[in-house]
Protein backbone atom coordinates (compact mmCIF):
# COMPACT_ATOMS: atom_id res chain seq x y z
CA MET A 1 10.57 7.63 -23.26
CA THR A 2 7.88 6.98 -20.76
CA SER A 3 8.74 7.56 -17.00
CA SER A 4 8.74 4.60 -14.40
CA VAL A 5 5.84 6.19 -12.69
CA ALA A 6 3.74 6.26 -16.03
CA LYS A 7 4.53 2.75 -16.65
CA LYS A 8 3.46 1.90 -13.30
CA LEU A 9 0.03 3.71 -14.03
CA LEU A 10 -0.57 2.10 -17.37
CA ALA A 11 0.15 -1.46 -16.03
CA PRO A 12 -2.87 -3.65 -15.54
CA ILE A 13 -3.80 -4.72 -12.07
CA PRO A 14 -4.58 -8.44 -11.79
CA GLU A 15 -7.80 -9.29 -9.67
CA LYS A 16 -6.02 -9.69 -6.58
CA PRO A 17 -2.64 -7.67 -6.53
CA ALA A 18 0.49 -9.07 -5.36
CA GLU A 19 1.37 -8.78 -1.63
CA LEU A 20 3.59 -5.93 -0.67
CA THR A 21 7.13 -6.69 0.37
CA LEU A 22 9.90 -5.12 2.18
CA ASN A 23 11.21 -3.80 -1.30
CA ASP A 24 7.75 -1.81 -1.83
CA ARG A 25 7.85 1.94 -0.87
CA CYS A 26 5.49 4.62 -0.49
CA ASP A 27 4.56 6.48 -3.74
CA ARG A 28 4.59 9.72 -1.56
CA CYS A 29 7.79 9.73 0.66
CA GLY A 30 9.95 6.54 -0.06
CA ALA A 31 8.80 4.76 3.36
CA GLU A 32 7.95 1.19 3.71
CA ALA A 33 4.52 0.58 1.84
CA LEU A 34 1.99 -1.11 4.02
CA VAL A 35 -0.98 -0.30 1.83
CA ARG A 36 -2.04 -0.85 -1.73
CA ILE A 37 -5.10 1.20 -3.06
CA VAL A 38 -6.37 -0.01 -6.35
CA LEU A 39 -8.65 2.52 -8.33
CA PRO A 40 -11.74 1.79 -10.46
CA LYS A 41 -9.80 2.13 -13.52
CA GLY A 42 -7.08 -0.45 -12.63
CA ASN A 43 -4.33 2.15 -11.43
CA ASP A 44 -2.74 1.26 -8.19
CA LEU A 45 -0.94 3.37 -5.27
CA ILE A 46 1.11 2.01 -2.71
CA MET A 47 1.35 3.97 0.64
CA CYS A 48 2.69 4.11 4.12
CA ASN A 49 0.06 4.33 6.85
CA HIS A 50 0.77 7.96 7.13
CA HIS A 51 -0.11 8.85 3.76
CA THR A 52 -3.00 6.26 3.45
CA ASN A 53 -4.52 8.10 6.49
CA HIS A 54 -3.80 11.57 5.12
CA HIS A 55 -5.57 10.51 1.76
CA GLU A 56 -7.82 7.93 2.66
CA LEU A 57 -11.13 9.89 2.34
CA ALA A 58 -10.22 11.07 -1.13
CA LEU A 59 -9.08 7.63 -2.44
CA VAL A 60 -12.48 6.11 -0.85
CA ALA A 61 -14.38 8.83 -2.79
CA ALA A 62 -12.46 7.62 -5.69
CA GLY A 63 -13.60 4.23 -5.52
CA GLY A 64 -10.33 2.78 -4.09
CA THR A 65 -9.90 -0.76 -2.82
CA PHE A 66 -7.63 -1.16 0.09
CA TYR A 67 -5.21 -4.17 0.54
CA ARG A 68 -3.13 -3.97 3.62
CA LYS A 69 -0.23 -5.85 4.32
CA ASN A 70 -0.09 -8.40 7.03
CA THR A 71 1.92 -6.75 9.69
CA ASP A 72 1.52 -9.16 12.46
CA HIS A 73 5.01 -9.55 12.53
CA LEU A 74 5.34 -6.21 13.89
CA VAL A 75 3.30 -6.41 16.90
CA GLN A 76 5.02 -8.18 19.83
CA ASP A 77 3.07 -11.00 21.62
CA ARG A 78 2.93 -9.66 25.42
CA SER A 79 1.17 -12.92 26.24
CA LYS A 80 4.32 -14.97 25.75
CA GLY A 81 6.24 -12.46 28.51
CA ASP A 82 8.16 -10.54 26.19
CA SER A 83 9.42 -7.29 28.03
CA HIS A 84 10.70 -5.18 25.28
């Protein structure tokens, strides 16, 4: 029986990976995934910002391509007078 992690690593990656959703969780800790890293052989990892930052140098050295989730909705627009 193949584990779900092994199935994910063996699955082909399309040219442009699917956008991350709220259901996508960090492969390391289970937090919301904000970055997908596609490795040269086609494997991908999804990670939170903390783990992306922690592993970034190694992932860049391995030839990873980073796709960041659009997080504009997380930033408050202070120009509109939001005081929260």
